[in-house]
Amino acid sequence: MSMSKTTNTYNRQNWEDAEFPILCQTCLGDNPYVRMIKERFGKECKICTRPFTIFRWCPGARMRFKKTEICQTCARLKNVCQTCLLDLEYGLPIQVRDAALKVADNMPQSDVNKEYYIQNIDAQLQDGDGTEAAGAVGRSLAANEMLSKLARTAPYYKRNRPHICSFWVKGECKRGEECPYRHDKPNEPDDPLCEQNIKDRYYGRNDPVAEKIMKRAASLPTLEPPEDRNITTLYVGNLPEEITEPELRDQFYQFGEIRSIALVPRQQCSFVQYTKRSAAELAAERTFNKLVIQGRKVSIKWAHSQAKQGTAAKTDRRFDVTGIPPPSAKPNDYFNLRQEQINVMPAGMKLHQLPSNLVPASAYQMYGQPTYAAPYGNASSTSTSNVSLDSISVPPPPGQVPYPSQDASRMGAVKK
């Protein structure tokens, strides 16, 4: 039932006036100096239709302006944000939270019964300090395993982005970068996320976002313990940089006796070793996808056995390649030498220190053949059997041409 501010003045005592809204961190934005516009009794609540004080603000740069949609009484009745209607503690839709906590809060739907119900809730909330939830939700808020796994631990500021520019979709937007709306492809018309009703979200029925999250909860991974019973160490990752070993011990000592804690600050991880396997399994079960340290969700895994790591490091990684012939037992002879032509130089001896009897005569055979000239003019080419190292002359100094083919005058380089 809609009430006008000008005519129905008799019911103004039930209208809501507030000094600050009830918001989540995402809707409030990352700017600590946010400025809000306040309007007393500016609009009607979209749930109870009572006029209430609305607030309007911009959560950040290049974000759209947001405002409160429901009154504070309805928000405290469900413990939700006045703008996005998500749970203030877990950041989840009402339908997901009520299904996990098994809460059946049957609020009246008719206008008269709803108004009477809201008045009674207001009377109950006046006795408190304004920070507790009311109704069945306030009595059922407790730690829940599924909610801890699905909870969002950090603000999701992308939810505050501007709406899609309809002119850009039609190809008619002429503002370019100055356009305050988002130039992006819209969702498909058949997408169920496009059909969201604020009343369905508040009462926890037919919420497409909640159904999507519950399907994801059904397929959450589980941490299986390793087959090796000697493994009692857990890997703890995504730790804060300033965490200390006593703080980490306080989180894990409740599951059993701890043998050692190896903290690796550079990698932001640690290894927690228990004395018993049962304590390690209990810690893995209670902390997997649930443990939050200093606002960061910690990743829990089982550590690998060091024996297996050593075996894996020593494994032969060679593999066979088809088409390559096997290596032959006979060594390759690139110079076509016979066995009697191969001599091994004694250790520590230089080539010029070799005695003449160790140098085979066949080494100088190429100089005795008639088809080849000797490399130096003084070398004898008549007898190769008595050639020794001393008989080889020293190469000519630079400036003399050892070979006729290297004479530049014969090649036309020097003009006559």
Protein backbone atom coordinates (compact mmCIF):
# COMPACT_ATOMS: atom_id res chain seq x y z
CA MET A 1 0.00 0.00 0.00
CA SER A 2 1.57 3.23 -1.12
CA MET A 3 1.48 6.20 1.25
CA SER A 4 1.85 9.81 0.18
CA LYS A 5 3.92 12.20 2.26
CA THR A 6 1.37 14.99 1.81
CA THR A 7 -1.97 13.31 2.48
CA ASN A 8 -1.31 10.41 4.88
CA THR A 9 0.42 12.28 7.69
CA TYR A 10 -1.15 10.15 10.41
CA ASN A 11 1.18 7.23 9.65
CA ARG A 12 4.45 9.15 9.55
CA GLN A 13 5.52 7.80 12.92
CA ASN A 14 6.20 4.46 11.23
CA TRP A 15 8.39 5.99 8.52
CA GLU A 16 12.06 5.29 8.87
CA ASP A 17 14.74 7.90 9.41
CA ALA A 18 18.44 6.98 9.54
CA GLU A 19 21.80 8.68 9.67
CA PHE A 20 23.87 6.08 7.77
CA PRO A 21 22.96 3.12 5.53
CA ILE A 22 23.63 -0.58 6.11
CA LEU A 23 25.99 -1.55 3.29
CA CYS A 24 28.50 -4.23 2.39
CA GLN A 25 32.11 -3.42 1.55
CA THR A 26 31.58 -3.97 -2.17
CA CYS A 27 28.71 -1.50 -2.48
CA LEU A 28 30.45 1.07 -0.29
CA GLY A 29 33.53 1.08 -2.53
CA ASP A 30 37.24 1.38 -1.88
CA ASN A 31 37.23 5.17 -1.36
CA PRO A 32 37.42 5.96 2.38
CA TYR A 33 36.26 9.54 1.72
CA VAL A 34 33.04 8.66 -0.07
CA ARG A 35 30.42 11.43 -0.20
CA MET A 36 26.73 10.55 0.09
CA ILE A 37 23.53 12.39 -0.72
CA LYS A 38 20.87 11.87 1.93
CA GLU A 39 17.15 12.40 1.36
CA ARG A 40 14.72 11.83 4.22
CA PHE A 41 11.71 9.76 3.20
CA GLY A 42 12.83 9.96 -0.41
CA LYS A 43 11.33 6.68 -1.64
CA GLU A 44 9.33 3.70 -0.53
CA CYS A 45 10.94 0.46 0.48
CA LYS A 46 10.60 -2.12 -2.29
CA ILE A 47 9.68 -4.79 0.26
CA CYS A 48 7.47 -3.19 2.91
CA THR A 49 6.47 -0.07 0.88
CA ARG A 50 7.23 2.29 3.79
CA PRO A 51 8.95 5.59 3.04
CA PHE A 52 12.53 5.59 4.28
CA THR A 53 15.67 7.69 4.10
CA ILE A 54 17.60 6.95 0.92
CA PHE A 55 21.33 7.44 0.34
CA ARG A 56 23.03 7.92 -3.00
CA TRP A 57 26.80 7.81 -3.65
CA CYS A 58 29.49 6.89 -6.17
CA PRO A 59 31.64 3.96 -4.95
CA GLY A 60 34.69 4.85 -7.07
CA ALA A 61 36.14 6.23 -10.27
CA ARG A 62 34.31 5.14 -13.42
CA MET A 63 31.64 3.43 -11.34
CA ARG A 64 27.91 3.96 -11.48
CA PHE A 65 26.01 5.78 -8.74
CA LYS A 66 24.28 3.48 -6.29
CA LYS A 67 21.46 3.99 -3.81
CA THR A 68 19.68 2.11 -1.08
CA GLU A 69 16.74 -0.01 -2.27
CA ILE A 70 15.14 -1.32 0.94
CA CYS A 71 14.70 0.12 4.42
CA GLN A 72 16.96 -0.71 7.33
CA THR A 73 14.30 -2.75 9.13
CA CYS A 74 13.95 -5.13 6.19
CA ALA A 75 17.74 -5.25 5.82
CA ARG A 76 18.28 -6.16 9.49
CA LEU A 77 15.48 -8.69 9.32
CA LYS A 78 17.48 -10.67 6.74
CA ASN A 79 20.98 -9.41 7.67
CA VAL A 80 21.59 -8.14 4.14
CA CYS A 81 22.91 -5.05 2.42
CA GLN A 82 20.36 -2.33 1.64
CA THR A 83 21.59 -2.09 -1.96
CA CYS A 84 22.66 -5.50 -3.29
CA LEU A 85 20.60 -7.65 -0.86
CA LEU A 86 23.53 -10.03 -0.25
CA ASP A 87 24.36 -11.41 3.17
CA LEU A 88 26.62 -9.10 5.16
CA GLU A 89 28.70 -11.90 6.67
CA TYR A 90 29.23 -14.28 3.75
CA GLY A 91 28.43 -12.12 0.70
CA LEU A 92 26.00 -14.75 -0.62
CA PRO A 93 22.38 -14.57 -1.80
CA ILE A 94 19.64 -15.10 0.77
CA GLN A 95 18.47 -18.31 -0.86
CA VAL A 96 21.91 -19.91 -0.53
CA ARG A 97 22.35 -18.81 3.08
CA ASP A 98 18.88 -19.97 4.16
CA ALA A 99 19.38 -23.34 2.47
CA ALA A 100 22.70 -23.87 4.26
CA LEU A 101 21.41 -22.74 7.66
CA LYS A 102 18.02 -24.46 7.12
CA VAL A 103 16.16 -21.28 7.94
CA ALA A 104 12.45 -21.05 7.11
CA ASP A 105 11.49 -17.43 7.72
CA ASN A 106 7.86 -17.15 6.63
CA MET A 107 7.25 -13.44 6.40
CA PRO A 108 3.71 -12.24 5.65
CA GLN A 109 3.06 -11.26 2.05
CA SER A 110 -0.10 -9.16 2.32
CA ASP A 111 0.18 -5.43 2.95
CA VAL A 112 -1.72 -5.30 6.25
CA ASN A 113 -0.01 -8.29 7.82
CA LYS A 114 3.36 -7.10 6.54
CA GLU A 115 2.89 -3.69 8.12
CA TYR A 116 1.94 -5.20 11.47
CA TYR A 117 4.88 -7.61 11.31
CA ILE A 118 7.35 -4.81 10.55
CA GLN A 119 6.06 -2.75 13.48
CA ASN A 120 6.71 -5.65 15.84
CA ILE A 121 10.20 -6.11 14.45
CA ASP A 122 10.90 -2.41 14.95
CA ALA A 123 9.90 -2.72 18.59
CA GLN A 124 12.31 -5.65 19.04
CA LEU A 125 15.19 -3.85 17.35
CA GLN A 126 14.85 -0.78 19.53
CA ASP A 127 16.09 -2.75 22.54
CA GLY A 128 19.35 -3.74 20.81
CA ASP A 129 22.38 -1.78 19.70
CA GLY A 130 21.50 -2.00 16.00
CA THR A 131 24.22 -4.50 15.02
CA GLU A 132 22.35 -7.80 15.43
CA ALA A 133 20.12 -9.45 12.90
CA ALA A 134 16.47 -9.94 13.76
CA GLY A 135 14.00 -12.75 13.22
CA ALA A 136 14.85 -16.36 12.48
CA VAL A 137 18.06 -15.38 10.69
CA GLY A 138 19.44 -13.65 13.77
CA ARG A 139 18.83 -16.76 15.85
CA SER A 140 20.41 -19.09 13.28
CA LEU A 141 23.59 -17.23 12.31
CA ALA A 142 26.38 -19.67 13.14
CA ALA A 143 29.48 -21.09 11.50
CA ASN A 144 28.58 -23.31 8.56
CA GLU A 145 30.90 -25.49 6.49
CA MET A 146 29.28 -24.89 3.10
CA LEU A 147 28.95 -21.15 3.67
CA SER A 148 32.61 -20.93 4.65
CA LYS A 149 33.60 -22.59 1.38
CA LEU A 150 31.39 -20.38 -0.78
CA ALA A 151 31.96 -17.12 1.09
CA ARG A 152 33.65 -14.25 -0.72
CA THR A 153 36.55 -13.02 1.39
CA ALA A 154 37.44 -9.94 -0.70
CA PRO A 155 35.22 -7.19 -2.16
CA TYR A 156 34.13 -7.64 -5.75
CA TYR A 157 34.22 -4.10 -7.13
CA LYS A 158 33.37 -5.15 -10.69
CA ARG A 159 29.79 -5.33 -9.51
CA ASN A 160 29.79 -1.52 -9.36
CA ARG A 161 30.64 -1.03 -13.02
CA PRO A 162 28.34 1.16 -15.15
CA HIS A 163 25.50 -0.32 -17.09
CA ILE A 164 25.94 -1.17 -20.76
CA CYS A 165 25.40 1.70 -23.17
CA SER A 166 22.36 0.91 -25.31
CA PHE A 167 23.43 3.40 -27.97
CA TRP A 168 26.81 1.66 -28.30
CA VAL A 169 25.07 -1.69 -28.78
CA LYS A 170 23.10 -0.16 -31.67
CA GLY A 171 26.28 1.50 -33.00
CA GLU A 172 25.01 5.05 -32.41
CA CYS A 173 27.07 6.21 -29.39
CA LYS A 174 29.04 9.36 -30.27
CA ARG A 175 30.56 10.08 -26.84
CA GLY A 176 33.51 7.75 -27.14
CA GLU A 177 35.65 7.65 -23.99
CA GLU A 178 33.54 10.34 -22.35
CA CYS A 179 30.51 8.07 -22.26
CA PRO A 180 29.66 7.27 -18.60
CA TYR A 181 28.21 3.91 -19.58
CA ARG A 182 30.08 0.73 -20.37
CA HIS A 183 30.87 -0.19 -23.96
CA ASP A 184 30.62 -3.94 -23.78
CA LYS A 185 28.68 -6.80 -25.28
CA PRO A 186 25.42 -7.45 -23.37
CA ASN A 187 24.35 -10.84 -22.12
CA GLU A 188 22.16 -13.08 -24.19
CA PRO A 189 18.41 -12.53 -23.77
CA ASP A 190 17.99 -16.17 -22.75
CA ASP A 191 20.47 -15.78 -19.89
CA PRO A 192 18.60 -16.41 -16.61
CA LEU A 193 20.78 -13.82 -14.87
CA CYS A 194 18.97 -11.13 -16.88
CA GLU A 195 15.69 -11.93 -15.14
CA GLN A 196 16.27 -10.99 -11.51
CA ASN A 197 13.49 -9.76 -9.29
CA ILE A 198 14.32 -7.90 -6.09
CA LYS A 199 11.42 -9.50 -4.18
CA ASP A 200 12.44 -13.00 -5.26
CA ARG A 201 15.98 -12.27 -4.11
CA TYR A 202 14.76 -10.99 -0.76
CA TYR A 203 12.40 -13.86 -0.03
CA GLY A 204 14.88 -16.45 -1.36
CA ARG A 205 12.91 -17.97 -4.20
CA ASN A 206 13.65 -18.42 -7.92
CA ASP A 207 16.97 -16.57 -7.67
CA PRO A 208 19.13 -17.46 -10.71
CA VAL A 209 22.33 -16.27 -9.00
CA ALA A 210 21.61 -18.49 -6.00
CA GLU A 211 20.91 -21.50 -8.21
CA LYS A 212 24.20 -20.97 -10.03
CA ILE A 213 26.12 -20.83 -6.74
CA MET A 214 24.40 -23.94 -5.37
CA LYS A 215 25.34 -25.88 -8.51
CA ARG A 216 28.93 -24.81 -7.99
CA ALA A 217 28.74 -25.92 -4.35
CA ALA A 218 27.69 -29.40 -5.43
CA SER A 219 30.87 -29.75 -7.53
CA LEU A 220 33.40 -28.40 -5.03
CA PRO A 221 36.71 -30.33 -4.94
CA THR A 222 37.68 -32.41 -1.93
CA LEU A 223 41.12 -33.04 -0.48
CA GLU A 224 41.90 -36.76 -0.55
CA PRO A 225 44.63 -38.02 1.85
CA PRO A 226 47.66 -39.69 0.21
CA GLU A 227 48.12 -43.46 0.32
CA ASP A 228 51.45 -43.18 2.12
CA ARG A 229 50.60 -43.27 5.83
CA ASN A 230 53.97 -41.77 6.73
CA ILE A 231 53.01 -38.38 5.28
CA THR A 232 51.90 -36.12 8.13
CA THR A 233 52.79 -32.73 6.61
CA LEU A 234 50.39 -30.15 5.18
CA TYR A 235 51.28 -27.45 2.68
CA VAL A 236 49.75 -24.08 3.60
CA GLY A 237 49.82 -21.51 0.78
CA ASN A 238 48.61 -17.97 0.08
CA LEU A 239 49.72 -16.75 3.49
CA PRO A 240 50.01 -13.06 4.40
CA GLU A 241 53.50 -11.62 4.13
CA GLU A 242 53.69 -10.48 7.75
CA ILE A 243 52.49 -13.71 9.36
CA THR A 244 54.67 -15.27 12.07
CA GLU A 245 55.19 -18.83 13.23
CA PRO A 246 53.29 -18.38 16.55
CA GLU A 247 50.26 -17.06 14.66
CA LEU A 248 50.37 -20.05 12.34
CA ARG A 249 50.75 -22.43 15.25
CA ASP A 250 47.68 -20.95 16.92
CA GLN A 251 45.62 -21.88 13.84
CA PHE A 252 46.74 -25.53 13.66
CA TYR A 253 47.56 -26.66 17.21
CA GLN A 254 43.88 -27.36 17.95
CA PHE A 255 43.88 -30.40 15.65
CA GLY A 256 46.79 -32.25 17.28
CA GLU A 257 50.40 -32.12 18.38
CA ILE A 258 52.65 -30.30 15.92
CA ARG A 259 56.16 -31.60 15.34
CA SER A 260 57.53 -28.67 13.32
CA ILE A 261 56.51 -25.65 11.23
CA ALA A 262 58.68 -24.55 8.32
CA LEU A 263 57.77 -21.00 7.27
CA VAL A 264 58.84 -19.76 3.81
CA PRO A 265 58.05 -16.01 3.74
CA ARG A 266 59.44 -15.46 0.24
CA GLN A 267 57.00 -17.97 -1.26
CA GLN A 268 54.20 -17.02 1.18
CA CYS A 269 53.76 -20.62 2.27
CA SER A 270 54.65 -22.98 5.08
CA PHE A 271 54.79 -26.69 5.93
CA VAL A 272 53.04 -27.90 9.08
CA GLN A 273 54.09 -31.37 10.24
CA TYR A 274 52.07 -33.29 12.82
CA THR A 275 53.23 -36.15 14.98
CA LYS A 276 50.24 -38.34 14.08
CA ARG A 277 48.54 -39.03 10.78
CA SER A 278 45.08 -38.73 12.33
CA ALA A 279 45.81 -35.16 13.45
CA ALA A 280 46.98 -34.21 9.95
CA GLU A 281 43.84 -35.68 8.39
CA LEU A 282 41.64 -33.80 10.85
CA ALA A 283 43.45 -30.54 10.12
CA ALA A 284 43.11 -31.06 6.37
CA GLU A 285 39.40 -31.79 6.70
CA ARG A 286 38.65 -28.80 8.92
CA THR A 287 40.75 -26.21 7.07
CA PHE A 288 40.43 -27.14 3.37
CA ASN A 289 38.72 -24.20 1.60
CA LYS A 290 37.65 -22.83 5.00
CA LEU A 291 40.63 -21.29 6.76
CA VAL A 292 40.95 -17.50 6.52
CA ILE A 293 44.00 -15.77 8.04
CA GLN A 294 44.10 -11.97 8.16
CA GLY A 295 41.40 -11.71 5.52
CA ARG A 296 43.02 -14.13 3.04
CA LYS A 297 41.69 -17.58 2.23
CA VAL A 298 44.51 -20.07 2.75
CA SER A 299 45.07 -23.01 0.39
CA ILE A 300 45.64 -26.38 2.05
CA LYS A 301 47.31 -29.36 0.32
CA TRP A 302 49.10 -32.52 1.34
CA ALA A 303 52.87 -32.35 1.11
CA HIS A 304 54.73 -34.87 -1.08
CA SER A 305 56.99 -37.55 0.32
CA GLN A 306 60.72 -36.71 0.11
CA ALA A 307 61.55 -40.32 -0.83
CA LYS A 308 59.26 -40.11 -3.83
CA GLN A 309 60.78 -36.78 -4.85
CA GLY A 310 64.28 -38.29 -4.72
CA THR A 311 63.16 -41.27 -6.81
CA ALA A 312 61.54 -39.01 -9.36
CA ALA A 313 64.71 -36.94 -9.61
CA LYS A 314 66.82 -40.03 -10.32
CA THR A 315 64.49 -41.50 -12.93
CA ASP A 316 66.00 -42.08 -16.36
CA ARG A 317 64.26 -39.59 -18.64
CA ARG A 318 65.77 -40.98 -21.87
CA PHE A 319 63.42 -42.33 -24.50
CA ASP A 320 63.78 -44.28 -27.72
CA VAL A 321 63.39 -42.57 -31.08
CA THR A 322 62.37 -44.71 -34.01
CA GLY A 323 64.35 -44.45 -37.23
CA ILE A 324 67.78 -43.81 -35.67
CA PRO A 325 70.26 -46.73 -36.13
CA PRO A 326 71.89 -48.10 -32.98
CA PRO A 327 75.46 -46.98 -32.23
CA SER A 328 78.11 -49.30 -33.66
CA ALA A 329 80.82 -50.88 -31.51
CA LYS A 330 83.52 -49.88 -34.02
CA PRO A 331 84.70 -46.30 -33.52
CA ASN A 332 84.43 -43.82 -36.37
CA ASP A 333 87.65 -43.43 -38.40
CA TYR A 334 87.33 -40.03 -40.04
CA PHE A 335 90.92 -39.95 -41.39
CA ASN A 336 91.12 -43.53 -42.75
CA LEU A 337 94.09 -44.38 -40.55
CA ARG A 338 95.41 -47.87 -39.97
CA GLN A 339 96.10 -49.17 -36.50
CA GLU A 340 99.87 -48.99 -36.96
CA GLN A 341 99.52 -45.31 -37.95
CA ILE A 342 97.91 -44.31 -34.64
CA ASN A 343 100.29 -43.32 -31.84
CA VAL A 344 99.34 -42.01 -28.44
CA MET A 345 101.34 -39.05 -27.20
CA PRO A 346 102.84 -39.55 -23.73
CA ALA A 347 101.30 -37.50 -20.94
CA GLY A 348 102.84 -34.04 -20.51
CA MET A 349 104.75 -34.10 -23.80
CA LYS A 350 104.26 -31.46 -26.52
CA LEU A 351 104.07 -32.22 -30.21
CA HIS A 352 107.46 -30.70 -31.06
CA GLN A 353 109.09 -32.76 -28.27
CA LEU A 354 108.26 -36.09 -29.93
CA PRO A 355 111.35 -38.10 -31.00
CA SER A 356 111.61 -38.97 -34.67
CA ASN A 357 111.14 -42.70 -34.09
CA LEU A 358 107.60 -42.08 -32.75
CA VAL A 359 106.46 -40.23 -35.86
CA PRO A 360 105.45 -42.74 -38.59
CA ALA A 361 106.80 -42.32 -42.04
CA SER A 362 103.31 -42.47 -43.52
CA ALA A 363 102.61 -39.07 -41.94
CA TYR A 364 104.83 -37.48 -44.59
CA GLN A 365 103.69 -39.66 -47.48
CA MET A 366 101.55 -36.92 -48.93
CA TYR A 367 104.65 -34.77 -49.55
CA GLY A 368 106.41 -37.51 -51.51
CA GLN A 369 103.69 -38.05 -54.05
CA PRO A 370 104.36 -36.48 -57.44
CA THR A 371 100.89 -34.97 -57.72
CA TYR A 372 101.42 -32.72 -54.67
CA ALA A 373 104.18 -30.23 -54.10
CA ALA A 374 105.97 -30.02 -50.81
CA PRO A 375 104.61 -27.32 -48.49
CA TYR A 376 108.00 -25.62 -48.17
CA GLY A 377 110.72 -25.32 -50.71
CA ASN A 378 113.48 -26.81 -48.51
CA ALA A 379 111.52 -29.97 -47.68
CA SER A 380 112.85 -33.10 -49.41
CA SER A 381 110.36 -35.00 -51.50
CA THR A 382 112.63 -37.79 -52.77
CA SER A 383 112.80 -39.94 -49.69
CA THR A 384 109.95 -40.34 -47.19
CA SER A 385 111.23 -43.30 -45.25
CA ASN A 386 113.91 -41.36 -43.36
CA VAL A 387 111.91 -38.18 -42.77
CA SER A 388 112.19 -36.81 -39.24
CA LEU A 389 110.86 -33.75 -37.45
CA ASP A 390 114.24 -32.03 -37.64
CA SER A 391 114.28 -32.22 -41.44
CA ILE A 392 111.14 -30.03 -41.77
CA SER A 393 112.12 -26.42 -42.34
CA VAL A 394 110.63 -23.50 -40.52
CA PRO A 395 107.81 -21.69 -42.41
CA PRO A 396 108.91 -18.54 -44.24
CA PRO A 397 108.43 -15.21 -42.50
CA PRO A 398 105.39 -13.12 -43.38
CA GLY A 399 106.04 -11.23 -46.57
CA GLN A 400 107.17 -14.27 -48.63
CA VAL A 401 104.59 -16.23 -50.59
CA PRO A 402 104.78 -19.96 -49.75
CA TYR A 403 102.46 -21.09 -52.59
CA PRO A 404 102.33 -19.78 -56.19
CA SER A 405 98.51 -19.65 -55.99
CA GLN A 406 98.82 -17.02 -53.23
CA ASP A 407 100.94 -14.69 -55.33
CA ALA A 408 98.87 -11.56 -55.91
CA SER A 409 100.84 -10.57 -59.03
CA ARG A 410 99.76 -13.73 -60.82
CA MET A 411 96.07 -12.98 -60.25
CA GLY A 412 96.02 -9.57 -61.82
CA ALA A 413 95.97 -7.57 -58.59
CA VAL A 414 99.16 -5.68 -59.46
CA LYS A 415 99.10 -3.48 -62.53
CA LYS A 416 102.11 -3.76 -64.81
